[in-house]
Amino acid sequence: MMTRQFNVVIEKDADGFFVASVPVLRGCHTQAKSLDDLMERIREAIELCIEVSGYILLPTQDFER
């Protein structure tokens, strides 16, 4: 199993929710009240975004379609 790392942008919105997004995966974002929940949710969102998009992750490249 290959492990990949992604940059995740985390912000806090006006309602106090933490919002995370992954800039290199279009549409990959989630929100939660706590950072612990947010990290769990963004990991799941990344997996789903990769699965749905059809990206093939290669060891020497970020993405290939």
N, C-alpha and C. Protein backbone atom coordinates (compact mmCIF):
# COMPACT_ATOMS: atom_id res chain seq x y z
N MET A 1 0.85 -1.19 0.00
CA MET A 1 0.00 0.00 0.00
C MET A 1 0.89 1.24 0.00
N MET A 2 0.61 2.14 -0.93
CA MET A 2 1.38 3.37 -1.06
C MET A 2 0.77 4.47 -0.18
N THR A 3 1.64 5.17 0.54
CA THR A 3 1.18 6.28 1.35
C THR A 3 1.46 7.57 0.60
N ARG A 4 0.46 8.42 0.50
CA ARG A 4 0.60 9.72 -0.16
C ARG A 4 0.36 10.82 0.84
N GLN A 5 0.98 11.96 0.63
CA GLN A 5 0.76 13.12 1.48
C GLN A 5 0.16 14.23 0.64
N PHE A 6 -0.80 14.94 1.23
CA PHE A 6 -1.46 16.05 0.56
C PHE A 6 -1.43 17.27 1.47
N ASN A 7 -1.27 18.43 0.88
CA ASN A 7 -1.41 19.66 1.65
C ASN A 7 -2.89 19.90 1.89
N VAL A 8 -3.23 20.19 3.14
CA VAL A 8 -4.62 20.45 3.52
C VAL A 8 -4.69 21.86 4.09
N VAL A 9 -5.62 22.65 3.57
CA VAL A 9 -5.85 24.01 4.07
C VAL A 9 -6.97 23.94 5.10
N ILE A 10 -6.69 24.46 6.30
CA ILE A 10 -7.69 24.44 7.37
C ILE A 10 -7.99 25.87 7.78
N GLU A 11 -9.29 26.18 7.82
CA GLU A 11 -9.75 27.50 8.24
C GLU A 11 -10.88 27.32 9.25
N LYS A 12 -11.17 28.37 9.98
CA LYS A 12 -12.31 28.35 10.91
C LYS A 12 -13.33 29.34 10.38
N ASP A 13 -14.57 28.89 10.20
CA ASP A 13 -15.59 29.77 9.65
C ASP A 13 -16.26 30.61 10.73
N ALA A 14 -17.16 31.47 10.31
CA ALA A 14 -17.83 32.40 11.22
C ALA A 14 -18.69 31.70 12.27
N ASP A 15 -19.12 30.48 11.98
CA ASP A 15 -19.96 29.73 12.92
C ASP A 15 -19.13 28.85 13.87
N GLY A 16 -17.80 28.91 13.75
CA GLY A 16 -16.95 28.14 14.63
C GLY A 16 -16.57 26.77 14.13
N PHE A 17 -16.99 26.42 12.92
CA PHE A 17 -16.62 25.13 12.34
C PHE A 17 -15.24 25.22 11.71
N PHE A 18 -14.49 24.13 11.79
CA PHE A 18 -13.24 24.02 11.06
C PHE A 18 -13.56 23.49 9.68
N VAL A 19 -12.95 24.09 8.66
CA VAL A 19 -13.20 23.70 7.28
C VAL A 19 -11.86 23.31 6.66
N ALA A 20 -11.81 22.14 6.05
CA ALA A 20 -10.57 21.66 5.43
C ALA A 20 -10.81 21.44 3.94
N SER A 21 -9.79 21.76 3.15
CA SER A 21 -9.85 21.50 1.72
C SER A 21 -8.47 21.06 1.24
N VAL A 22 -8.47 20.32 0.14
CA VAL A 22 -7.23 19.84 -0.47
C VAL A 22 -7.15 20.48 -1.85
N PRO A 23 -6.30 21.51 -2.00
CA PRO A 23 -6.26 22.27 -3.26
C PRO A 23 -6.01 21.43 -4.52
N VAL A 24 -5.22 20.38 -4.44
CA VAL A 24 -4.92 19.60 -5.65
C VAL A 24 -6.03 18.62 -6.02
N LEU A 25 -7.02 18.45 -5.15
CA LEU A 25 -8.15 17.58 -5.45
C LEU A 25 -9.42 18.43 -5.52
N ARG A 26 -9.79 18.79 -6.70
CA ARG A 26 -10.95 19.65 -6.90
C ARG A 26 -12.20 19.09 -6.21
N GLY A 27 -12.84 19.93 -5.40
CA GLY A 27 -14.06 19.54 -4.72
C GLY A 27 -13.84 18.74 -3.44
N CYS A 28 -12.59 18.58 -3.04
CA CYS A 28 -12.30 17.79 -1.84
C CYS A 28 -12.26 18.70 -0.62
N HIS A 29 -13.33 18.68 0.14
CA HIS A 29 -13.42 19.52 1.33
C HIS A 29 -14.41 18.90 2.32
N THR A 30 -14.31 19.33 3.57
CA THR A 30 -15.21 18.87 4.61
C THR A 30 -15.18 19.85 5.76
N GLN A 31 -16.03 19.65 6.75
CA GLN A 31 -16.04 20.52 7.92
C GLN A 31 -16.38 19.71 9.17
N ALA A 32 -16.00 20.27 10.33
CA ALA A 32 -16.28 19.61 11.61
C ALA A 32 -16.13 20.64 12.73
N LYS A 33 -16.69 20.32 13.89
CA LYS A 33 -16.58 21.19 15.06
C LYS A 33 -15.22 21.08 15.74
N SER A 34 -14.58 19.89 15.66
CA SER A 34 -13.28 19.71 16.32
C SER A 34 -12.21 19.35 15.28
N LEU A 35 -10.96 19.65 15.61
CA LEU A 35 -9.86 19.31 14.70
C LEU A 35 -9.69 17.80 14.57
N ASP A 36 -9.92 17.07 15.64
CA ASP A 36 -9.82 15.61 15.56
C ASP A 36 -10.81 15.04 14.56
N ASP A 37 -12.06 15.49 14.66
CA ASP A 37 -13.08 15.03 13.71
C ASP A 37 -12.75 15.49 12.29
N LEU A 38 -12.24 16.71 12.17
CA LEU A 38 -11.90 17.24 10.85
C LEU A 38 -10.82 16.39 10.17
N MET A 39 -9.79 16.01 10.91
CA MET A 39 -8.72 15.22 10.32
C MET A 39 -9.22 13.85 9.87
N GLU A 40 -10.07 13.25 10.64
CA GLU A 40 -10.66 11.96 10.25
C GLU A 40 -11.50 12.13 8.98
N ARG A 41 -12.29 13.19 8.95
CA ARG A 41 -13.18 13.41 7.80
C ARG A 41 -12.41 13.76 6.53
N ILE A 42 -11.32 14.55 6.66
CA ILE A 42 -10.59 14.93 5.44
C ILE A 42 -9.85 13.72 4.87
N ARG A 43 -9.38 12.83 5.73
CA ARG A 43 -8.75 11.60 5.22
C ARG A 43 -9.76 10.79 4.40
N GLU A 44 -10.96 10.67 4.93
CA GLU A 44 -12.01 9.95 4.20
C GLU A 44 -12.36 10.67 2.91
N ALA A 45 -12.46 12.00 2.96
CA ALA A 45 -12.79 12.78 1.76
C ALA A 45 -11.72 12.61 0.68
N ILE A 46 -10.45 12.59 1.09
CA ILE A 46 -9.37 12.39 0.13
C ILE A 46 -9.51 11.04 -0.55
N GLU A 47 -9.72 10.00 0.22
CA GLU A 47 -9.89 8.66 -0.35
C GLU A 47 -11.04 8.63 -1.35
N LEU A 48 -12.16 9.23 -0.98
CA LEU A 48 -13.33 9.24 -1.87
C LEU A 48 -13.09 10.06 -3.12
N CYS A 49 -12.44 11.22 -2.98
CA CYS A 49 -12.17 12.06 -4.15
C CYS A 49 -11.27 11.35 -5.14
N ILE A 50 -10.27 10.65 -4.63
CA ILE A 50 -9.37 9.90 -5.52
C ILE A 50 -10.12 8.76 -6.20
N GLU A 51 -10.93 8.04 -5.44
CA GLU A 51 -11.69 6.92 -5.99
C GLU A 51 -12.67 7.37 -7.07
N VAL A 52 -13.40 8.42 -6.79
CA VAL A 52 -14.43 8.90 -7.71
C VAL A 52 -13.83 9.55 -8.96
N SER A 53 -12.72 10.26 -8.80
CA SER A 53 -12.14 11.00 -9.91
C SER A 53 -11.44 10.10 -10.92
N GLY A 54 -11.04 8.91 -10.49
CA GLY A 54 -10.33 8.03 -11.39
C GLY A 54 -8.85 8.32 -11.49
N TYR A 55 -8.32 9.14 -10.59
CA TYR A 55 -6.89 9.43 -10.60
C TYR A 55 -6.10 8.16 -10.31
N ILE A 56 -4.97 8.04 -10.98
CA ILE A 56 -4.03 6.96 -10.71
C ILE A 56 -2.83 7.59 -10.03
N LEU A 57 -2.56 7.20 -8.80
CA LEU A 57 -1.43 7.77 -8.07
C LEU A 57 -0.17 6.99 -8.40
N LEU A 58 0.81 7.68 -8.95
CA LEU A 58 2.07 7.05 -9.31
C LEU A 58 3.16 7.51 -8.34
N PRO A 59 4.14 6.67 -8.08
CA PRO A 59 5.18 7.02 -7.11
C PRO A 59 5.96 8.28 -7.46
N THR A 60 6.17 8.58 -8.74
CA THR A 60 7.00 9.71 -9.11
C THR A 60 6.21 10.93 -9.59
N GLN A 61 4.90 10.82 -9.62
CA GLN A 61 4.07 11.92 -10.10
C GLN A 61 2.94 12.15 -9.13
N ASP A 62 2.41 13.39 -9.12
CA ASP A 62 1.29 13.68 -8.24
C ASP A 62 0.02 13.00 -8.74
N PHE A 63 -0.36 13.29 -9.98
CA PHE A 63 -1.61 12.73 -10.52
C PHE A 63 -1.49 12.52 -12.00
N GLU A 64 -2.20 11.53 -12.46
CA GLU A 64 -2.32 11.31 -13.88
C GLU A 64 -3.73 10.82 -14.13
N ARG A 65 -4.35 11.28 -15.16
CA ARG A 65 -5.73 10.92 -15.46
C ARG A 65 -5.80 10.02 -16.65
